[in-house]
């Protein structure tokens, strides 16, 4: 195994703090020789170079990321980042405001579909939280 850069290590720590250990552990476990360079790139570049910058909070980065993913139609990534709001502090109200911006600046169809995904994801998160409380987890 090659030694990872300081930026990679920072990125991995940030990635874990935003997405959660379970998510990152699953991604790492499913990594293959084919996509390992890609995983290293996004960990170092997105999480290490961008998400670790001090200028914005994780909440602010979360809202901007969700708006961009919605505008670009990246629905799987959108749902993943909605789930990450548990760790970033972005609220459903923040997401609603972001979608209003998407509607105006990227188009109503993009916002409409993203709102559907956000609602489904938030509902699933609520169910999971309720089930965890019932099971004592």
C-alpha atoms as a PDB file:
ATOM      1  CA  UNK A   1       0.000   0.000   0.000  1.00  0.00           C
ATOM      2  CA  UNK A   2       1.357   3.412  -0.953  1.00  0.00           C
ATOM      3  CA  UNK A   3       1.633   6.213   1.555  1.00  0.00           C
ATOM      4  CA  UNK A   4      -1.210   8.716   1.265  1.00  0.00           C
ATOM      5  CA  UNK A   5      -0.647  12.471   1.084  1.00  0.00           C
ATOM      6  CA  UNK A   6      -1.502  14.814   3.928  1.00  0.00           C
ATOM      7  CA  UNK A   7      -4.288  16.259   1.752  1.00  0.00           C
ATOM      8  CA  UNK A   8      -5.708  12.758   1.233  1.00  0.00           C
ATOM      9  CA  UNK A   9      -5.682  12.125   4.994  1.00  0.00           C
ATOM     10  CA  UNK A  10      -7.439  15.459   5.617  1.00  0.00           C
ATOM     11  CA  UNK A  11      -9.915  14.630   2.877  1.00  0.00           C
ATOM     12  CA  UNK A  12     -10.663  11.209   4.303  1.00  0.00           C
ATOM     13  CA  UNK A  13     -11.279  12.696   7.742  1.00  0.00           C
ATOM     14  CA  UNK A  14     -13.639  15.295   6.264  1.00  0.00           C
ATOM     15  CA  UNK A  15     -15.353  12.720   4.044  1.00  0.00           C
ATOM     16  CA  UNK A  16     -15.986  10.569   7.130  1.00  0.00           C
ATOM     17  CA  UNK A  17     -17.277  13.529   9.153  1.00  0.00           C
ATOM     18  CA  UNK A  18     -19.722  14.489   6.394  1.00  0.00           C
ATOM     19  CA  UNK A  19     -20.851  11.134   4.979  1.00  0.00           C
ATOM     20  CA  UNK A  20     -20.311   9.009   8.078  1.00  0.00           C
ATOM     21  CA  UNK A  21     -18.024   6.072   8.757  1.00  0.00           C
ATOM     22  CA  UNK A  22     -20.541   3.463   7.571  1.00  0.00           C
ATOM     23  CA  UNK A  23     -20.913   5.100   4.146  1.00  0.00           C
ATOM     24  CA  UNK A  24     -17.181   5.568   3.655  1.00  0.00           C
ATOM     25  CA  UNK A  25     -16.386   2.068   4.938  1.00  0.00           C
ATOM     26  CA  UNK A  26     -18.831   0.581   2.395  1.00  0.00           C
ATOM     27  CA  UNK A  27     -17.318   2.670  -0.403  1.00  0.00           C
ATOM     28  CA  UNK A  28     -13.802   1.645   0.588  1.00  0.00           C
ATOM     29  CA  UNK A  29     -14.785  -2.034   0.849  1.00  0.00           C
ATOM     30  CA  UNK A  30     -16.292  -1.997  -2.649  1.00  0.00           C
ATOM     31  CA  UNK A  31     -13.301  -0.197  -4.180  1.00  0.00           C
ATOM     32  CA  UNK A  32     -11.459  -2.173  -6.849  1.00  0.00           C
ATOM     33  CA  UNK A  33      -8.181  -1.746  -8.669  1.00  0.00           C
ATOM     34  CA  UNK A  34     -10.190  -0.112 -11.467  1.00  0.00           C
ATOM     35  CA  UNK A  35     -11.761   2.687  -9.414  1.00  0.00           C
ATOM     36  CA  UNK A  36      -9.104   3.096  -6.694  1.00  0.00           C
ATOM     37  CA  UNK A  37      -7.410   6.015  -8.517  1.00  0.00           C
ATOM     38  CA  UNK A  38     -10.802   7.727  -8.870  1.00  0.00           C
ATOM     39  CA  UNK A  39     -11.581   7.236  -5.175  1.00  0.00           C
ATOM     40  CA  UNK A  40      -8.182   8.681  -4.276  1.00  0.00           C
ATOM     41  CA  UNK A  41      -8.801  11.662  -6.580  1.00  0.00           C
ATOM     42  CA  UNK A  42     -12.171  12.566  -5.086  1.00  0.00           C
ATOM     43  CA  UNK A  43     -10.945  12.057  -1.537  1.00  0.00           C
ATOM     44  CA  UNK A  44      -7.966  14.317  -2.104  1.00  0.00           C
ATOM     45  CA  UNK A  45      -9.524  16.897  -4.432  1.00  0.00           C
ATOM     46  CA  UNK A  46     -13.162  17.220  -3.372  1.00  0.00           C
ATOM     47  CA  UNK A  47     -12.860  16.349   0.293  1.00  0.00           C
ATOM     48  CA  UNK A  48      -9.246  17.404   0.902  1.00  0.00           C
ATOM     49  CA  UNK A  49      -8.961  20.538  -1.217  1.00  0.00           C
ATOM     50  CA  UNK A  50     -12.509  21.909  -1.246  1.00  0.00           C
ATOM     51  CA  UNK A  51     -14.465  20.636   1.770  1.00  0.00           C
ATOM     52  CA  UNK A  52     -11.600  21.334   4.210  1.00  0.00           C
ATOM     53  CA  UNK A  53     -11.267  25.016   3.274  1.00  0.00           C
ATOM     54  CA  UNK A  54     -12.034  27.321   6.215  1.00  0.00           C
ATOM     55  CA  UNK A  55     -14.114  29.920   4.347  1.00  0.00           C
ATOM     56  CA  UNK A  56     -17.477  28.120   4.533  1.00  0.00           C
ATOM     57  CA  UNK A  57     -19.019  25.870   7.138  1.00  0.00           C
ATOM     58  CA  UNK A  58     -19.952  22.297   6.325  1.00  0.00           C
ATOM     59  CA  UNK A  59     -23.586  23.443   6.412  1.00  0.00           C
ATOM     60  CA  UNK A  60     -22.923  26.056   3.731  1.00  0.00           C
ATOM     61  CA  UNK A  61     -20.935  23.614   1.587  1.00  0.00           C
ATOM     62  CA  UNK A  62     -23.705  21.067   1.993  1.00  0.00           C
ATOM     63  CA  UNK A  63     -26.382  23.470   0.715  1.00  0.00           C
ATOM     64  CA  UNK A  64     -24.295  24.567  -2.264  1.00  0.00           C
ATOM     65  CA  UNK A  65     -23.378  20.972  -3.114  1.00  0.00           C
ATOM     66  CA  UNK A  66     -27.013  19.875  -2.967  1.00  0.00           C
ATOM     67  CA  UNK A  67     -28.099  22.784  -5.163  1.00  0.00           C
ATOM     68  CA  UNK A  68     -25.406  21.999  -7.728  1.00  0.00           C
ATOM     69  CA  UNK A  69     -26.201  18.290  -7.788  1.00  0.00           C
ATOM     70  CA  UNK A  70     -29.901  19.084  -8.218  1.00  0.00           C
ATOM     71  CA  UNK A  71     -29.208  21.566 -11.008  1.00  0.00           C
ATOM     72  CA  UNK A  72     -27.009  19.078 -12.837  1.00  0.00           C
ATOM     73  CA  UNK A  73     -29.384  16.144 -12.364  1.00  0.00           C
ATOM     74  CA  UNK A  74     -26.962  13.987 -10.356  1.00  0.00           C
ATOM     75  CA  UNK A  75     -29.705  12.251  -8.402  1.00  0.00           C
ATOM     76  CA  UNK A  76     -27.765   9.466  -6.654  1.00  0.00           C
ATOM     77  CA  UNK A  77     -25.208  11.946  -5.377  1.00  0.00           C
ATOM     78  CA  UNK A  78     -28.050  14.299  -4.393  1.00  0.00           C
ATOM     79  CA  UNK A  79     -29.658  11.655  -2.174  1.00  0.00           C
ATOM     80  CA  UNK A  80     -26.275  10.826  -0.630  1.00  0.00           C
ATOM     81  CA  UNK A  81     -25.671  14.483   0.244  1.00  0.00           C
ATOM     82  CA  UNK A  82     -29.198  14.891   1.628  1.00  0.00           C
ATOM     83  CA  UNK A  83     -28.373  12.007   3.980  1.00  0.00           C
ATOM     84  CA  UNK A  84     -25.148  13.803   4.890  1.00  0.00           C
ATOM     85  CA  UNK A  85     -27.138  16.753   6.234  1.00  0.00           C
ATOM     86  CA  UNK A  86     -27.359  14.717   9.458  1.00  0.00           C
ATOM     87  CA  UNK A  87     -23.691  15.581   9.890  1.00  0.00           C
ATOM     88  CA  UNK A  88     -23.436  18.977   8.203  1.00  0.00           C
ATOM     89  CA  UNK A  89     -26.255  20.773   9.990  1.00  0.00           C
ATOM     90  CA  UNK A  90     -28.152  21.743   6.839  1.00  0.00           C
ATOM     91  CA  UNK A  91     -31.859  21.629   7.657  1.00  0.00           C
ATOM     92  CA  UNK A  92     -34.884  20.742   5.539  1.00  0.00           C
ATOM     93  CA  UNK A  93     -35.608  24.481   5.496  1.00  0.00           C
ATOM     94  CA  UNK A  94     -32.113  25.094   4.082  1.00  0.00           C
ATOM     95  CA  UNK A  95     -32.774  22.499   1.387  1.00  0.00           C
ATOM     96  CA  UNK A  96     -36.106  24.105   0.524  1.00  0.00           C
ATOM     97  CA  UNK A  97     -34.375  27.463   0.047  1.00  0.00           C
ATOM     98  CA  UNK A  98     -31.663  25.847  -2.077  1.00  0.00           C
ATOM     99  CA  UNK A  99     -34.341  24.288  -4.303  1.00  0.00           C
ATOM    100  CA  UNK A 100     -35.995  27.659  -4.807  1.00  0.00           C
ATOM    101  CA  UNK A 101     -32.649  28.916  -6.089  1.00  0.00           C
ATOM    102  CA  UNK A 102     -32.304  25.867  -8.333  1.00  0.00           C
ATOM    103  CA  UNK A 103     -35.777  26.522  -9.751  1.00  0.00           C
ATOM    104  CA  UNK A 104     -34.918  30.095 -10.669  1.00  0.00           C
ATOM    105  CA  UNK A 105     -31.326  29.678 -11.814  1.00  0.00           C
ATOM    106  CA  UNK A 106     -31.299  26.128 -13.237  1.00  0.00           C
ATOM    107  CA  UNK A 107     -34.925  25.497 -14.092  1.00  0.00           C
ATOM    108  CA  UNK A 108     -38.170  24.302 -12.583  1.00  0.00           C
ATOM    109  CA  UNK A 109     -37.866  20.723 -13.928  1.00  0.00           C
ATOM    110  CA  UNK A 110     -34.476  20.265 -12.231  1.00  0.00           C
ATOM    111  CA  UNK A 111     -35.806  21.598  -8.929  1.00  0.00           C
ATOM    112  CA  UNK A 112     -39.048  19.634  -9.204  1.00  0.00           C
ATOM    113  CA  UNK A 113     -37.266  16.299  -9.629  1.00  0.00           C
ATOM    114  CA  UNK A 114     -34.721  17.147  -6.924  1.00  0.00           C
ATOM    115  CA  UNK A 115     -37.516  18.065  -4.501  1.00  0.00           C
ATOM    116  CA  UNK A 116     -39.062  14.645  -5.101  1.00  0.00           C
ATOM    117  CA  UNK A 117     -35.722  12.961  -4.272  1.00  0.00           C
ATOM    118  CA  UNK A 118     -35.151  15.174  -1.224  1.00  0.00           C
ATOM    119  CA  UNK A 119     -38.633  14.433   0.127  1.00  0.00           C
ATOM    120  CA  UNK A 120     -38.160  10.680  -0.369  1.00  0.00           C
ATOM    121  CA  UNK A 121     -34.724  10.770   1.252  1.00  0.00           C
ATOM    122  CA  UNK A 122     -35.841  12.851   4.226  1.00  0.00           C
ATOM    123  CA  UNK A 123     -38.820  10.522   4.743  1.00  0.00           C
ATOM    124  CA  UNK A 124     -36.526   7.475   4.643  1.00  0.00           C
ATOM    125  CA  UNK A 125     -34.180   9.139   7.133  1.00  0.00           C
ATOM    126  CA  UNK A 126     -37.118   9.873   9.423  1.00  0.00           C
ATOM    127  CA  UNK A 127     -38.312   6.246   9.230  1.00  0.00           C
ATOM    128  CA  UNK A 128     -34.797   4.964   9.961  1.00  0.00           C
ATOM    129  CA  UNK A 129     -34.484   7.300  12.935  1.00  0.00           C
ATOM    130  CA  UNK A 130     -37.855   6.162  14.265  1.00  0.00           C
ATOM    131  CA  UNK A 131     -36.940   2.483  13.802  1.00  0.00           C
ATOM    132  CA  UNK A 132     -33.613   3.048  15.577  1.00  0.00           C
ATOM    133  CA  UNK A 133     -35.392   4.667  18.525  1.00  0.00           C
ATOM    134  CA  UNK A 134     -37.876   1.798  18.715  1.00  0.00           C
ATOM    135  CA  UNK A 135     -35.109  -0.810  18.653  1.00  0.00           C
ATOM    136  CA  UNK A 136     -33.030   1.104  21.175  1.00  0.00           C
ATOM    137  CA  UNK A 137     -30.115   1.577  18.775  1.00  0.00           C
END
